[in-house]
Amino acid sequence: MSILPFIQGFGLGASMIIPIGAQNSFIINQGIKRNHHLTAATICIFCDISLFMLGVFGGAELIGTNDILFTLITWAGILFLLGYGALSLKAAINAATTINRGEGNNQSFKAVVLTTLAVTLLNPHVYLDTVVILGSVGSQFSGAEKPWYLLGLMLASILWFYGLSVFAAKFSPVLGQKRVKQGIDIAIAIIMWLIAWSLLANWLAR
């Protein structure tokens, strides 16, 4: 009886998490630099789990119905994504021959923690995906089924973010080469700006 909610949670969770976005782009970048990449992945997972729980156990309507909260989160996200995209473009322009851990361009542990939290929590899409959409689906299950649905969501997040982080770190000698890293940074900048534009468009259409 519990296997179907688990499978549905895992499948829906993966479908929301895997598409490239601000979190995934940041995790890839940290993995390439091997700069507290597992810490960044852990924070993404912890935030996901917290938001999953909020949505499944009654908070699905909070973000979707509170216009003031939605506006504040949207504009904070737009400004952050524009700035982060600009930094990524600057990194592409100033790229060295290779990206090494010893070059001194890595962020401190505190900076990685704060940036990961910002990438995650200042993106309204995260709330809409995890709290509103996944939470609304979870609210349809019975009390005994909800924990299994939630477990499926959690497993999808854990496997994806740790897998992505380890993959990027393992292949960092290739991904960190000048041309490859420049391409990744440019792609990240474009993704960040496209997300910022989509946030603005959604806010204007609201």
C-alpha atoms as a PDB file:
ATOM      1  CA  MET A   1       0.000   0.000   0.000  1.00  0.00           C
ATOM      2  CA  SER A   2       2.883   2.388   0.705  1.00  0.00           C
ATOM      3  CA  ILE A   3       4.967   1.621  -2.407  1.00  0.00           C
ATOM      4  CA  LEU A   4       2.864   3.699  -4.816  1.00  0.00           C
ATOM      5  CA  PRO A   5       3.087   6.966  -2.844  1.00  0.00           C
ATOM      6  CA  PHE A   6       6.844   6.359  -2.504  1.00  0.00           C
ATOM      7  CA  ILE A   7       7.283   5.799  -6.244  1.00  0.00           C
ATOM      8  CA  GLN A   8       5.106   8.804  -7.069  1.00  0.00           C
ATOM      9  CA  GLY A   9       7.068  10.975  -4.635  1.00  0.00           C
ATOM     10  CA  PHE A  10      10.398   9.859  -6.081  1.00  0.00           C
ATOM     11  CA  GLY A  11       9.264  10.380  -9.678  1.00  0.00           C
ATOM     12  CA  LEU A  12       7.669  13.775  -9.105  1.00  0.00           C
ATOM     13  CA  GLY A  13      10.562  14.921  -6.946  1.00  0.00           C
ATOM     14  CA  ALA A  14      13.092  13.971  -9.618  1.00  0.00           C
ATOM     15  CA  SER A  15      11.054  15.708 -12.336  1.00  0.00           C
ATOM     16  CA  MET A  16      11.135  18.952 -10.348  1.00  0.00           C
ATOM     17  CA  ILE A  17      14.770  18.765  -9.196  1.00  0.00           C
ATOM     18  CA  ILE A  18      16.668  17.485 -12.234  1.00  0.00           C
ATOM     19  CA  PRO A  19      15.914  20.248 -14.817  1.00  0.00           C
ATOM     20  CA  ILE A  20      18.821  22.686 -14.889  1.00  0.00           C
ATOM     21  CA  GLY A  21      18.319  25.777 -12.787  1.00  0.00           C
ATOM     22  CA  ALA A  22      20.000  28.008 -10.235  1.00  0.00           C
ATOM     23  CA  GLN A  23      20.669  25.253  -7.679  1.00  0.00           C
ATOM     24  CA  ASN A  24      22.027  22.735 -10.163  1.00  0.00           C
ATOM     25  CA  SER A  25      24.208  25.332 -11.883  1.00  0.00           C
ATOM     26  CA  PHE A  26      25.704  26.371  -8.559  1.00  0.00           C
ATOM     27  CA  ILE A  27      26.341  22.770  -7.466  1.00  0.00           C
ATOM     28  CA  ILE A  28      28.073  22.002 -10.779  1.00  0.00           C
ATOM     29  CA  ASN A  29      30.275  25.073 -10.402  1.00  0.00           C
ATOM     30  CA  GLN A  30      31.244  24.222  -6.822  1.00  0.00           C
ATOM     31  CA  GLY A  31      31.920  20.623  -7.800  1.00  0.00           C
ATOM     32  CA  ILE A  32      34.243  21.678 -10.615  1.00  0.00           C
ATOM     33  CA  LYS A  33      36.201  23.850  -8.179  1.00  0.00           C
ATOM     34  CA  ARG A  34      35.910  21.195  -5.420  1.00  0.00           C
ATOM     35  CA  ASN A  35      35.006  24.076  -3.170  1.00  0.00           C
ATOM     36  CA  HIS A  36      32.864  22.753  -0.280  1.00  0.00           C
ATOM     37  CA  HIS A  37      30.722  21.040  -2.931  1.00  0.00           C
ATOM     38  CA  LEU A  38      29.347  18.379  -0.592  1.00  0.00           C
ATOM     39  CA  THR A  39      28.421  21.077   1.924  1.00  0.00           C
ATOM     40  CA  ALA A  40      26.533  22.952  -0.793  1.00  0.00           C
ATOM     41  CA  ALA A  41      24.751  19.747  -1.840  1.00  0.00           C
ATOM     42  CA  THR A  42      23.821  18.995   1.780  1.00  0.00           C
ATOM     43  CA  ILE A  43      22.316  22.464   2.229  1.00  0.00           C
ATOM     44  CA  CYS A  44      20.249  22.058  -0.952  1.00  0.00           C
ATOM     45  CA  ILE A  45      18.979  18.713   0.309  1.00  0.00           C
ATOM     46  CA  PHE A  46      18.176  20.074   3.770  1.00  0.00           C
ATOM     47  CA  CYS A  47      16.262  23.006   2.266  1.00  0.00           C
ATOM     48  CA  ASP A  48      14.377  20.693  -0.082  1.00  0.00           C
ATOM     49  CA  ILE A  49      13.378  18.360   2.741  1.00  0.00           C
ATOM     50  CA  SER A  50      12.207  21.271   4.898  1.00  0.00           C
ATOM     51  CA  LEU A  51      10.100  22.679   2.055  1.00  0.00           C
ATOM     52  CA  PHE A  52       8.747  19.235   1.164  1.00  0.00           C
ATOM     53  CA  MET A  53       7.569  18.805   4.742  1.00  0.00           C
ATOM     54  CA  LEU A  54       6.040  22.279   4.804  1.00  0.00           C
ATOM     55  CA  GLY A  55       4.086  21.567   1.627  1.00  0.00           C
ATOM     56  CA  VAL A  56       2.976  18.018   2.433  1.00  0.00           C
ATOM     57  CA  PHE A  57       1.818  18.874   5.944  1.00  0.00           C
ATOM     58  CA  GLY A  58      -0.311  21.915   5.212  1.00  0.00           C
ATOM     59  CA  GLY A  59       1.693  24.836   3.823  1.00  0.00           C
ATOM     60  CA  ALA A  60       0.910  24.444   0.125  1.00  0.00           C
ATOM     61  CA  GLU A  61      -1.333  27.535  -0.046  1.00  0.00           C
ATOM     62  CA  LEU A  62       1.036  29.916   1.760  1.00  0.00           C
ATOM     63  CA  ILE A  63       3.200  31.027  -1.171  1.00  0.00           C
ATOM     64  CA  GLY A  64       0.524  30.886  -3.834  1.00  0.00           C
ATOM     65  CA  THR A  65      -1.999  33.056  -2.006  1.00  0.00           C
ATOM     66  CA  ASN A  66       0.183  35.635  -0.226  1.00  0.00           C
ATOM     67  CA  ASP A  67       0.820  38.392  -2.797  1.00  0.00           C
ATOM     68  CA  ILE A  68       3.127  40.455  -0.575  1.00  0.00           C
ATOM     69  CA  LEU A  69       5.338  37.476   0.285  1.00  0.00           C
ATOM     70  CA  PHE A  70       5.395  36.387  -3.346  1.00  0.00           C
ATOM     71  CA  THR A  71       6.443  39.877  -4.474  1.00  0.00           C
ATOM     72  CA  LEU A  72       9.234  40.160  -1.904  1.00  0.00           C
ATOM     73  CA  ILE A  73      10.659  36.756  -2.758  1.00  0.00           C
ATOM     74  CA  THR A  74      10.349  37.418  -6.491  1.00  0.00           C
ATOM     75  CA  TRP A  75      12.253  40.715  -6.484  1.00  0.00           C
ATOM     76  CA  ALA A  76      14.921  39.418  -4.112  1.00  0.00           C
ATOM     77  CA  GLY A  77      15.343  36.489  -6.485  1.00  0.00           C
ATOM     78  CA  ILE A  78      15.495  38.697  -9.584  1.00  0.00           C
ATOM     79  CA  LEU A  79      18.213  40.910  -8.117  1.00  0.00           C
ATOM     80  CA  PHE A  80      20.240  37.980  -6.843  1.00  0.00           C
ATOM     81  CA  LEU A  81      20.024  36.043 -10.121  1.00  0.00           C
ATOM     82  CA  LEU A  82      21.029  39.099 -12.167  1.00  0.00           C
ATOM     83  CA  GLY A  83      24.040  39.635  -9.911  1.00  0.00           C
ATOM     84  CA  TYR A  84      25.055  35.981  -9.871  1.00  0.00           C
ATOM     85  CA  GLY A  85      24.740  35.808 -13.651  1.00  0.00           C
ATOM     86  CA  ALA A  86      26.992  38.850 -13.989  1.00  0.00           C
ATOM     87  CA  LEU A  87      29.595  37.218 -11.729  1.00  0.00           C
ATOM     88  CA  SER A  88      29.482  34.047 -13.820  1.00  0.00           C
ATOM     89  CA  LEU A  89      29.997  36.023 -17.012  1.00  0.00           C
ATOM     90  CA  LYS A  90      32.902  37.865 -15.391  1.00  0.00           C
ATOM     91  CA  ALA A  91      34.427  34.514 -14.376  1.00  0.00           C
ATOM     92  CA  ALA A  92      34.149  33.310 -17.973  1.00  0.00           C
ATOM     93  CA  ILE A  93      35.903  36.416 -19.267  1.00  0.00           C
ATOM     94  CA  ASN A  94      38.662  36.234 -16.656  1.00  0.00           C
ATOM     95  CA  ALA A  95      39.106  32.442 -16.812  1.00  0.00           C
ATOM     96  CA  ALA A  96      42.623  31.145 -16.256  1.00  0.00           C
ATOM     97  CA  THR A  97      44.102  28.254 -18.227  1.00  0.00           C
ATOM     98  CA  THR A  98      42.630  25.727 -15.789  1.00  0.00           C
ATOM     99  CA  ILE A  99      40.616  25.895 -12.607  1.00  0.00           C
ATOM    100  CA  ASN A 100      42.615  24.591  -9.644  1.00  0.00           C
ATOM    101  CA  ARG A 101      41.962  24.386  -5.957  1.00  0.00           C
ATOM    102  CA  GLY A 102      45.239  26.150  -5.342  1.00  0.00           C
ATOM    103  CA  GLU A 103      44.511  29.275  -7.383  1.00  0.00           C
ATOM    104  CA  GLY A 104      42.898  31.127  -4.503  1.00  0.00           C
ATOM    105  CA  ASN A 105      39.622  31.824  -6.315  1.00  0.00           C
ATOM    106  CA  ASN A 106      37.528  29.601  -4.063  1.00  0.00           C
ATOM    107  CA  GLN A 107      34.943  30.908  -1.645  1.00  0.00           C
ATOM    108  CA  SER A 108      35.252  30.477   2.086  1.00  0.00           C
ATOM    109  CA  PHE A 109      33.069  27.920   3.878  1.00  0.00           C
ATOM    110  CA  LYS A 110      30.833  30.719   5.176  1.00  0.00           C
ATOM    111  CA  ALA A 111      30.496  32.276   1.715  1.00  0.00           C
ATOM    112  CA  VAL A 112      29.555  28.916   0.183  1.00  0.00           C
ATOM    113  CA  VAL A 113      26.911  28.337   2.875  1.00  0.00           C
ATOM    114  CA  LEU A 114      25.385  31.799   2.432  1.00  0.00           C
ATOM    115  CA  THR A 115      25.470  31.641  -1.366  1.00  0.00           C
ATOM    116  CA  THR A 116      23.863  28.188  -1.395  1.00  0.00           C
ATOM    117  CA  LEU A 117      21.084  29.421   0.895  1.00  0.00           C
ATOM    118  CA  ALA A 118      20.579  32.467  -1.339  1.00  0.00           C
ATOM    119  CA  VAL A 119      20.502  30.394  -4.548  1.00  0.00           C
ATOM    120  CA  THR A 120      17.923  28.114  -2.931  1.00  0.00           C
ATOM    121  CA  LEU A 121      15.720  30.370  -0.839  1.00  0.00           C
ATOM    122  CA  LEU A 122      15.669  33.494  -3.029  1.00  0.00           C
ATOM    123  CA  ASN A 123      14.235  31.589  -5.984  1.00  0.00           C
ATOM    124  CA  PRO A 124      10.408  31.601  -5.962  1.00  0.00           C
ATOM    125  CA  HIS A 125      10.387  28.606  -8.318  1.00  0.00           C
ATOM    126  CA  VAL A 126      11.763  26.516  -5.458  1.00  0.00           C
ATOM    127  CA  TYR A 127       8.732  27.339  -3.310  1.00  0.00           C
ATOM    128  CA  LEU A 128       6.282  26.844  -6.155  1.00  0.00           C
ATOM    129  CA  ASP A 129       7.798  23.464  -7.058  1.00  0.00           C
ATOM    130  CA  THR A 130       8.392  22.041  -3.589  1.00  0.00           C
ATOM    131  CA  VAL A 131       5.705  23.647  -1.419  1.00  0.00           C
ATOM    132  CA  VAL A 132       2.842  24.401  -3.786  1.00  0.00           C
ATOM    133  CA  ILE A 133       2.993  21.696  -6.482  1.00  0.00           C
ATOM    134  CA  LEU A 134       4.569  18.763  -4.640  1.00  0.00           C
ATOM    135  CA  GLY A 135       2.819  19.758  -1.420  1.00  0.00           C
ATOM    136  CA  SER A 136      -0.570  19.867  -3.121  1.00  0.00           C
ATOM    137  CA  VAL A 137      -0.055  16.379  -4.516  1.00  0.00           C
ATOM    138  CA  GLY A 138       1.066  15.129  -1.106  1.00  0.00           C
ATOM    139  CA  SER A 139      -1.998  16.572   0.593  1.00  0.00           C
ATOM    140  CA  GLN A 140      -4.150  14.136  -1.373  1.00  0.00           C
ATOM    141  CA  PHE A 141      -2.638  11.106   0.351  1.00  0.00           C
ATOM    142  CA  SER A 142      -3.907   9.646   3.610  1.00  0.00           C
ATOM    143  CA  GLY A 143      -2.053  10.185   6.848  1.00  0.00           C
ATOM    144  CA  ALA A 144      -0.342   6.792   6.617  1.00  0.00           C
ATOM    145  CA  GLU A 145       0.728   7.374   2.991  1.00  0.00           C
ATOM    146  CA  LYS A 146       2.165  10.878   3.373  1.00  0.00           C
ATOM    147  CA  PRO A 147       5.413   9.752   5.057  1.00  0.00           C
ATOM    148  CA  TRP A 148       6.101   7.346   2.185  1.00  0.00           C
ATOM    149  CA  TYR A 149       5.413  10.060  -0.396  1.00  0.00           C
ATOM    150  CA  LEU A 150       7.719  12.379   1.535  1.00  0.00           C
ATOM    151  CA  LEU A 151      10.399   9.675   1.702  1.00  0.00           C
ATOM    152  CA  GLY A 152      10.281   9.371  -2.088  1.00  0.00           C
ATOM    153  CA  LEU A 153      10.761  13.128  -2.463  1.00  0.00           C
ATOM    154  CA  MET A 154      13.653  13.096  -0.003  1.00  0.00           C
ATOM    155  CA  LEU A 155      15.432  10.213  -1.740  1.00  0.00           C
ATOM    156  CA  ALA A 156      15.181  11.953  -5.115  1.00  0.00           C
ATOM    157  CA  SER A 157      16.785  15.098  -3.674  1.00  0.00           C
ATOM    158  CA  ILE A 158      19.539  13.191  -1.850  1.00  0.00           C
ATOM    159  CA  LEU A 159      20.524  11.059  -4.837  1.00  0.00           C
ATOM    160  CA  TRP A 160      20.456  13.956  -7.299  1.00  0.00           C
ATOM    161  CA  PHE A 161      22.388  16.629  -5.421  1.00  0.00           C
ATOM    162  CA  TYR A 162      25.054  14.311  -4.015  1.00  0.00           C
ATOM    163  CA  GLY A 163      25.354  12.562  -7.370  1.00  0.00           C
ATOM    164  CA  LEU A 164      25.667  15.839  -9.280  1.00  0.00           C
ATOM    165  CA  SER A 165      28.195  17.221  -6.797  1.00  0.00           C
ATOM    166  CA  VAL A 166      30.394  14.111  -6.851  1.00  0.00           C
ATOM    167  CA  PHE A 167      30.158  13.841 -10.657  1.00  0.00           C
ATOM    168  CA  ALA A 168      31.271  17.458 -11.163  1.00  0.00           C
ATOM    169  CA  ALA A 169      34.150  17.030  -8.702  1.00  0.00           C
ATOM    170  CA  LYS A 170      35.305  13.727 -10.226  1.00  0.00           C
ATOM    171  CA  PHE A 171      35.402  15.157 -13.727  1.00  0.00           C
ATOM    172  CA  SER A 172      36.732  18.556 -12.670  1.00  0.00           C
ATOM    173  CA  PRO A 173      40.043  18.065 -14.571  1.00  0.00           C
ATOM    174  CA  VAL A 174      37.988  17.996 -17.780  1.00  0.00           C
ATOM    175  CA  LEU A 175      35.191  20.363 -16.800  1.00  0.00           C
ATOM    176  CA  GLY A 176      37.723  22.807 -15.351  1.00  0.00           C
ATOM    177  CA  GLN A 177      39.667  23.316 -18.569  1.00  0.00           C
ATOM    178  CA  LYS A 178      39.600  26.879 -19.823  1.00  0.00           C
ATOM    179  CA  ARG A 179      37.248  26.509 -22.787  1.00  0.00           C
ATOM    180  CA  VAL A 180      34.919  24.075 -21.023  1.00  0.00           C
ATOM    181  CA  LYS A 181      34.768  26.168 -17.860  1.00  0.00           C
ATOM    182  CA  GLN A 182      34.158  29.331 -19.868  1.00  0.00           C
ATOM    183  CA  GLY A 183      31.288  27.625 -21.665  1.00  0.00           C
ATOM    184  CA  ILE A 184      29.804  26.440 -18.365  1.00  0.00           C
ATOM    185  CA  ASP A 185      30.099  29.909 -16.809  1.00  0.00           C
ATOM    186  CA  ILE A 186      28.473  31.534 -19.841  1.00  0.00           C
ATOM    187  CA  ALA A 187      25.685  28.935 -19.766  1.00  0.00           C
ATOM    188  CA  ILE A 188      25.171  29.562 -16.041  1.00  0.00           C
ATOM    189  CA  ALA A 189      24.976  33.333 -16.646  1.00  0.00           C
ATOM    190  CA  ILE A 190      22.373  32.831 -19.378  1.00  0.00           C
ATOM    191  CA  ILE A 191      20.357  30.428 -17.198  1.00  0.00           C
ATOM    192  CA  MET A 192      20.389  32.855 -14.272  1.00  0.00           C
ATOM    193  CA  TRP A 193      19.229  35.746 -16.464  1.00  0.00           C
ATOM    194  CA  LEU A 194      16.518  33.634 -18.113  1.00  0.00           C
ATOM    195  CA  ILE A 195      15.218  32.594 -14.685  1.00  0.00           C
ATOM    196  CA  ALA A 196      15.272  36.240 -13.576  1.00  0.00           C
ATOM    197  CA  TRP A 197      13.304  37.185 -16.706  1.00  0.00           C
ATOM    198  CA  SER A 198      10.775  34.406 -16.093  1.00  0.00           C
ATOM    199  CA  LEU A 199      10.312  35.604 -12.509  1.00  0.00           C
ATOM    200  CA  LEU A 200       9.700  39.153 -13.732  1.00  0.00           C
ATOM    201  CA  ALA A 201       7.257  37.934 -16.401  1.00  0.00           C
ATOM    202  CA  ASN A 202       5.334  35.845 -13.859  1.00  0.00           C
ATOM    203  CA  TRP A 203       5.187  38.768 -11.445  1.00  0.00           C
ATOM    204  CA  LEU A 204       3.926  41.158 -14.138  1.00  0.00           C
ATOM    205  CA  ALA A 205       1.281  38.647 -15.205  1.00  0.00           C
ATOM    206  CA  ARG A 206       0.096  37.949 -11.663  1.00  0.00           C
END
